[in-house]
Amino acid sequence: MVCAVMLYAVGVLAKLTDHGMLAGLVFGGGIMLSTLAAWLSRGRDQEDPPDGDRPVDERPPPEPDGMPRIDWPAFEREFRRYEHGLRERSPA
C-alpha cells in the first residue's frame, strides 16, 4: 500500500506539471497495486492465531455420536406459541 500511495503522489505531481498521459499511467499502476494488496490480504483476520495454534477442545462431545439432542416437544410448544402470536397480529 505504501508503494501505491507513492504512485498516487507521483501521479499528482505529473498531473500538476501537465503530463496527463504519464499521470494516467501512474494512477492506473497505483490502482492496480492497491487492488493487488487488497486481494492478497483477503480472508485473513489479524486476531486469528496462525494455523496449527488453535486450542484443542478437551471436553467430550455431549452425545456418543457427537450430535446434540433436540427436545422436540419443547420445540413444538415454542413453535405453536409463536404461530399463535402471528395469527393475533393485524395485517400491515
Protein backbone atom coordinates (compact mmCIF):
# COMPACT_ATOMS: atom_id res chain seq x y z
CA MET A 1 0.00 0.00 0.00
CA VAL A 2 2.91 2.35 0.64
CA CYS A 3 4.04 1.87 -2.96
CA ALA A 4 0.52 2.58 -4.21
CA VAL A 5 0.40 5.82 -2.20
CA MET A 6 3.79 6.78 -3.63
CA LEU A 7 2.48 6.13 -7.15
CA TYR A 8 -0.53 8.32 -6.43
CA ALA A 9 1.79 11.11 -5.28
CA VAL A 10 3.87 10.79 -8.45
CA GLY A 11 0.64 10.84 -10.47
CA VAL A 12 -0.46 14.07 -8.79
CA LEU A 13 2.94 15.60 -9.46
CA ALA A 14 2.78 14.52 -13.10
CA LYS A 15 -0.74 15.94 -13.45
CA LEU A 16 0.32 19.27 -11.93
CA THR A 17 3.19 19.54 -14.43
CA ASP A 18 0.85 18.90 -17.40
CA HIS A 19 1.98 15.34 -18.13
CA GLY A 20 -1.52 13.88 -18.43
CA MET A 21 -0.58 10.61 -20.16
CA LEU A 22 2.11 9.82 -17.60
CA ALA A 23 -0.25 10.75 -14.74
CA GLY A 24 -2.90 8.38 -16.10
CA LEU A 25 -0.41 5.52 -16.37
CA VAL A 26 0.95 6.11 -12.87
CA PHE A 27 -2.55 6.39 -11.38
CA GLY A 28 -3.50 3.15 -13.14
CA GLY A 29 -0.44 1.44 -11.70
CA GLY A 30 -1.31 2.69 -8.22
CA ILE A 31 -4.86 1.42 -8.55
CA MET A 32 -3.66 -1.98 -9.76
CA LEU A 33 -1.13 -2.21 -6.94
CA SER A 34 -3.69 -1.30 -4.26
CA THR A 35 -6.22 -3.83 -5.59
CA LEU A 36 -3.49 -6.48 -5.63
CA ALA A 37 -2.68 -5.67 -2.00
CA ALA A 38 -6.37 -5.92 -1.05
CA TRP A 39 -6.70 -9.23 -2.90
CA LEU A 40 -3.63 -10.70 -1.20
CA SER A 41 -4.88 -9.71 2.27
CA ARG A 42 -8.40 -11.11 1.80
CA GLY A 43 -9.82 -13.56 4.32
CA ARG A 44 -7.10 -13.04 6.87
CA ASP A 45 -8.15 -11.76 10.28
CA GLN A 46 -5.21 -10.39 12.23
CA GLU A 47 -6.71 -11.60 15.51
CA ASP A 48 -6.87 -15.22 14.38
CA PRO A 49 -3.95 -17.36 15.52
CA PRO A 50 -1.88 -18.98 12.77
CA ASP A 51 -2.98 -22.40 11.58
CA GLY A 52 -1.97 -25.16 13.95
CA ASP A 53 -2.02 -22.94 17.05
CA ARG A 54 -5.75 -23.25 17.66
CA PRO A 55 -6.66 -24.57 21.11
CA VAL A 56 -7.92 -28.11 21.20
CA ASP A 57 -11.27 -28.71 22.91
CA GLU A 58 -10.58 -31.33 25.56
CA ARG A 59 -14.24 -31.91 26.53
CA PRO A 60 -16.01 -34.98 25.21
CA PRO A 61 -18.97 -34.47 22.88
CA PRO A 62 -22.40 -34.21 24.56
CA GLU A 63 -23.67 -37.43 22.97
CA PRO A 64 -21.88 -40.59 21.87
CA ASP A 65 -22.41 -39.76 18.18
CA GLY A 66 -21.32 -36.13 18.71
CA MET A 67 -24.69 -34.59 17.84
CA PRO A 68 -26.66 -32.66 20.48
CA ARG A 69 -30.14 -33.89 21.34
CA ILE A 70 -33.12 -31.77 20.39
CA ASP A 71 -36.09 -31.51 22.72
CA TRP A 72 -38.80 -31.83 20.06
CA PRO A 73 -41.80 -31.44 22.39
CA ALA A 74 -40.37 -28.15 23.71
CA PHE A 75 -39.66 -27.03 20.14
CA GLU A 76 -43.26 -27.79 19.13
CA ARG A 77 -44.64 -25.87 22.12
CA GLU A 78 -42.50 -22.81 21.33
CA PHE A 79 -43.43 -23.00 17.65
CA ARG A 80 -47.15 -23.20 18.40
CA ARG A 81 -46.85 -20.20 20.76
CA TYR A 82 -45.03 -18.25 18.02
CA GLU A 83 -47.59 -19.30 15.39
CA HIS A 84 -50.48 -18.27 17.65
CA GLY A 85 -48.85 -14.86 18.14
CA LEU A 86 -48.64 -14.33 14.39
CA ARG A 87 -52.34 -15.02 13.93
CA GLU A 88 -53.31 -12.45 16.53
CA ARG A 89 -51.42 -9.60 14.83
CA SER A 90 -53.27 -7.33 12.48
CA PRO A 91 -52.04 -7.14 8.86
CA ALA A 92 -49.80 -4.26 7.95
